[in-house]
Amino acid sequence: MRASNIAFANLRAEMSRRNIGVVKMARDLGWNRDTLARKLSRRSQINLDEAFLIQQTFFPELDVKYLFTEEKQKGA
């Protein structure tokens, strides 16, 4: 199994719990897999509408802030 490049730890954990991969997520959203992968790895910007669409489609019971919050690095 490949290591995940998803930058959002909570989103990555929830995707893993539900066995949702980037390919499935992109297909269900009608997005390009590579574009979604770049957004989730923070190589491209994800906008608020996109974050809400991911949350509402796959994790409606979870807060979008929880899914997309990053922990602050120590010493930063």
N, C-alpha and C. Protein backbone atom coordinates (compact mmCIF):
# COMPACT_ATOMS: atom_id res chain seq x y z
N MET A 1 0.84 -1.18 0.00
CA MET A 1 0.00 0.00 0.00
C MET A 1 0.89 1.24 0.00
N ARG A 2 0.55 2.20 -0.86
CA ARG A 2 1.33 3.44 -0.93
C ARG A 2 1.04 4.34 0.25
N ALA A 3 2.07 5.10 0.64
CA ALA A 3 1.89 6.07 1.70
C ALA A 3 1.01 7.20 1.18
N SER A 4 0.18 7.73 2.06
CA SER A 4 -0.72 8.80 1.67
C SER A 4 0.02 10.13 1.63
N ASN A 5 -0.30 10.93 0.62
CA ASN A 5 0.25 12.27 0.52
C ASN A 5 -0.76 13.32 0.95
N ILE A 6 -1.86 12.90 1.52
CA ILE A 6 -2.90 13.84 1.93
C ILE A 6 -2.41 14.63 3.13
N ALA A 7 -2.45 15.94 3.02
CA ALA A 7 -1.90 16.81 4.05
C ALA A 7 -2.83 16.97 5.26
N PHE A 8 -4.10 16.80 5.06
CA PHE A 8 -5.07 17.03 6.13
C PHE A 8 -5.25 15.74 6.94
N ALA A 9 -4.65 15.70 8.11
CA ALA A 9 -4.60 14.47 8.91
C ALA A 9 -5.98 13.92 9.25
N ASN A 10 -6.91 14.78 9.63
CA ASN A 10 -8.24 14.30 9.99
C ASN A 10 -8.99 13.76 8.78
N LEU A 11 -8.88 14.44 7.67
CA LEU A 11 -9.51 13.96 6.43
C LEU A 11 -8.91 12.62 6.03
N ARG A 12 -7.60 12.52 6.08
CA ARG A 12 -6.92 11.27 5.74
C ARG A 12 -7.40 10.14 6.63
N ALA A 13 -7.54 10.39 7.93
CA ALA A 13 -8.00 9.36 8.86
C ALA A 13 -9.44 8.94 8.56
N GLU A 14 -10.29 9.90 8.27
CA GLU A 14 -11.69 9.57 7.98
C GLU A 14 -11.82 8.82 6.66
N MET A 15 -11.02 9.20 5.67
CA MET A 15 -11.02 8.46 4.41
C MET A 15 -10.59 7.03 4.64
N SER A 16 -9.59 6.83 5.46
CA SER A 16 -9.10 5.49 5.76
C SER A 16 -10.16 4.67 6.49
N ARG A 17 -10.81 5.26 7.47
CA ARG A 17 -11.85 4.56 8.24
C ARG A 17 -12.97 4.06 7.33
N ARG A 18 -13.27 4.84 6.28
CA ARG A 18 -14.38 4.51 5.40
C ARG A 18 -13.93 3.87 4.09
N ASN A 19 -12.63 3.62 4.00
CA ASN A 19 -12.07 2.99 2.80
C ASN A 19 -12.40 3.79 1.53
N ILE A 20 -12.21 5.11 1.63
CA ILE A 20 -12.42 6.00 0.49
C ILE A 20 -11.07 6.46 0.00
N GLY A 21 -10.73 6.11 -1.21
CA GLY A 21 -9.47 6.53 -1.81
C GLY A 21 -9.66 7.77 -2.66
N VAL A 22 -8.56 8.35 -3.09
CA VAL A 22 -8.60 9.55 -3.92
C VAL A 22 -9.29 9.26 -5.25
N VAL A 23 -9.06 8.08 -5.81
CA VAL A 23 -9.68 7.73 -7.09
C VAL A 23 -11.20 7.70 -6.95
N LYS A 24 -11.70 7.04 -5.91
CA LYS A 24 -13.15 6.98 -5.69
C LYS A 24 -13.71 8.37 -5.43
N MET A 25 -13.03 9.14 -4.59
CA MET A 25 -13.50 10.47 -4.26
C MET A 25 -13.58 11.33 -5.52
N ALA A 26 -12.54 11.32 -6.32
CA ALA A 26 -12.53 12.11 -7.55
C ALA A 26 -13.64 11.66 -8.49
N ARG A 27 -13.80 10.37 -8.66
CA ARG A 27 -14.84 9.84 -9.55
C ARG A 27 -16.23 10.27 -9.07
N ASP A 28 -16.50 10.13 -7.77
CA ASP A 28 -17.82 10.48 -7.24
C ASP A 28 -18.09 11.98 -7.33
N LEU A 29 -17.05 12.80 -7.27
CA LEU A 29 -17.21 14.24 -7.38
C LEU A 29 -17.20 14.73 -8.83
N GLY A 30 -16.79 13.85 -9.75
CA GLY A 30 -16.69 14.24 -11.14
C GLY A 30 -15.45 15.08 -11.42
N TRP A 31 -14.42 14.89 -10.61
CA TRP A 31 -13.18 15.65 -10.72
C TRP A 31 -12.08 14.76 -11.30
N ASN A 32 -11.03 15.38 -11.76
CA ASN A 32 -9.85 14.68 -12.21
C ASN A 32 -9.07 14.18 -10.99
N ARG A 33 -8.62 12.93 -11.02
CA ARG A 33 -7.91 12.33 -9.89
C ARG A 33 -6.65 13.11 -9.54
N ASP A 34 -5.87 13.51 -10.55
CA ASP A 34 -4.62 14.21 -10.29
C ASP A 34 -4.85 15.60 -9.69
N THR A 35 -5.89 16.27 -10.16
CA THR A 35 -6.23 17.58 -9.60
C THR A 35 -6.61 17.46 -8.14
N LEU A 36 -7.45 16.48 -7.81
CA LEU A 36 -7.84 16.27 -6.42
C LEU A 36 -6.63 15.91 -5.57
N ALA A 37 -5.77 15.04 -6.06
CA ALA A 37 -4.58 14.65 -5.31
C ALA A 37 -3.70 15.86 -5.01
N ARG A 38 -3.54 16.76 -6.00
CA ARG A 38 -2.75 17.98 -5.76
C ARG A 38 -3.38 18.86 -4.70
N LYS A 39 -4.70 18.97 -4.71
CA LYS A 39 -5.39 19.80 -3.72
C LYS A 39 -5.25 19.20 -2.31
N LEU A 40 -5.41 17.88 -2.21
CA LEU A 40 -5.34 17.24 -0.89
C LEU A 40 -3.92 17.18 -0.34
N SER A 41 -2.94 17.28 -1.22
CA SER A 41 -1.55 17.29 -0.76
C SER A 41 -1.03 18.72 -0.56
N ARG A 42 -1.90 19.69 -0.78
CA ARG A 42 -1.60 21.11 -0.63
C ARG A 42 -0.60 21.62 -1.68
N ARG A 43 -0.44 20.91 -2.78
CA ARG A 43 0.38 21.42 -3.88
C ARG A 43 -0.42 22.40 -4.72
N SER A 44 -1.74 22.32 -4.65
CA SER A 44 -2.66 23.29 -5.25
C SER A 44 -3.63 23.72 -4.16
N GLN A 45 -4.17 24.89 -4.33
CA GLN A 45 -5.09 25.43 -3.33
C GLN A 45 -6.46 24.77 -3.45
N ILE A 46 -7.05 24.44 -2.31
CA ILE A 46 -8.43 23.94 -2.29
C ILE A 46 -9.29 25.09 -1.80
N ASN A 47 -10.35 25.39 -2.55
CA ASN A 47 -11.18 26.52 -2.11
C ASN A 47 -12.28 26.04 -1.18
N LEU A 48 -12.92 26.98 -0.55
CA LEU A 48 -13.92 26.67 0.46
C LEU A 48 -15.08 25.86 -0.11
N ASP A 49 -15.54 26.22 -1.30
CA ASP A 49 -16.63 25.46 -1.93
C ASP A 49 -16.25 24.00 -2.14
N GLU A 50 -15.02 23.76 -2.54
CA GLU A 50 -14.55 22.39 -2.76
C GLU A 50 -14.47 21.61 -1.44
N ALA A 51 -13.99 22.27 -0.40
CA ALA A 51 -13.91 21.62 0.91
C ALA A 51 -15.30 21.25 1.42
N PHE A 52 -16.26 22.17 1.26
CA PHE A 52 -17.63 21.88 1.68
C PHE A 52 -18.25 20.76 0.85
N LEU A 53 -17.95 20.72 -0.45
CA LEU A 53 -18.49 19.65 -1.29
C LEU A 53 -17.96 18.29 -0.85
N ILE A 54 -16.68 18.21 -0.54
CA ILE A 54 -16.10 16.95 -0.04
C ILE A 54 -16.76 16.56 1.27
N GLN A 55 -16.89 17.51 2.16
CA GLN A 55 -17.49 17.24 3.47
C GLN A 55 -18.94 16.79 3.32
N GLN A 56 -19.73 17.49 2.52
CA GLN A 56 -21.15 17.18 2.39
C GLN A 56 -21.37 15.86 1.65
N THR A 57 -20.51 15.53 0.71
CA THR A 57 -20.66 14.31 -0.08
C THR A 57 -20.25 13.07 0.69
N PHE A 58 -19.14 13.15 1.42
CA PHE A 58 -18.59 11.95 2.04
C PHE A 58 -18.69 11.91 3.57
N PHE A 59 -18.73 13.07 4.20
CA PHE A 59 -18.68 13.12 5.67
C PHE A 59 -19.70 14.12 6.22
N PRO A 60 -20.98 13.99 5.87
CA PRO A 60 -21.96 15.01 6.25
C PRO A 60 -22.13 15.19 7.75
N GLU A 61 -21.78 14.17 8.52
CA GLU A 61 -21.94 14.26 9.97
C GLU A 61 -20.73 14.92 10.65
N LEU A 62 -19.69 15.21 9.89
CA LEU A 62 -18.47 15.80 10.45
C LEU A 62 -18.36 17.26 10.04
N ASP A 63 -17.73 18.05 10.89
CA ASP A 63 -17.53 19.47 10.64
C ASP A 63 -16.41 19.68 9.62
N VAL A 64 -16.63 20.56 8.66
CA VAL A 64 -15.62 20.84 7.65
C VAL A 64 -14.34 21.37 8.30
N LYS A 65 -14.48 22.11 9.36
CA LYS A 65 -13.30 22.63 10.06
C LYS A 65 -12.46 21.49 10.63
N TYR A 66 -13.11 20.48 11.18
CA TYR A 66 -12.40 19.31 11.69
C TYR A 66 -11.64 18.61 10.57
N LEU A 67 -12.29 18.42 9.43
CA LEU A 67 -11.68 17.68 8.33
C LEU A 67 -10.47 18.39 7.74
N PHE A 68 -10.51 19.72 7.67
CA PHE A 68 -9.47 20.46 6.94
C PHE A 68 -8.57 21.30 7.83
N THR A 69 -8.63 21.13 9.13
CA THR A 69 -7.72 21.84 10.03
C THR A 69 -6.38 21.10 10.09
N GLU A 70 -5.31 21.87 10.02
CA GLU A 70 -3.97 21.33 10.14
C GLU A 70 -3.43 21.67 11.51
N GLU A 71 -2.73 20.72 12.12
CA GLU A 71 -2.07 21.01 13.38
C GLU A 71 -0.91 21.94 13.13
N LYS A 72 -0.71 22.86 14.03
CA LYS A 72 0.44 23.75 13.91
C LYS A 72 1.68 22.99 14.32
N GLN A 73 2.73 23.16 13.52
CA GLN A 73 3.98 22.47 13.82
C GLN A 73 4.63 23.11 15.01
N LYS A 74 5.26 22.30 15.86
CA LYS A 74 5.95 22.80 17.03
C LYS A 74 7.12 23.67 16.59
N GLY A 75 7.26 24.79 17.26
CA GLY A 75 8.35 25.70 16.96
C GLY A 75 8.02 26.65 15.83
N ALA A 76 6.81 26.57 15.31
CA ALA A 76 6.45 27.46 14.19
C ALA A 76 5.74 28.68 14.69
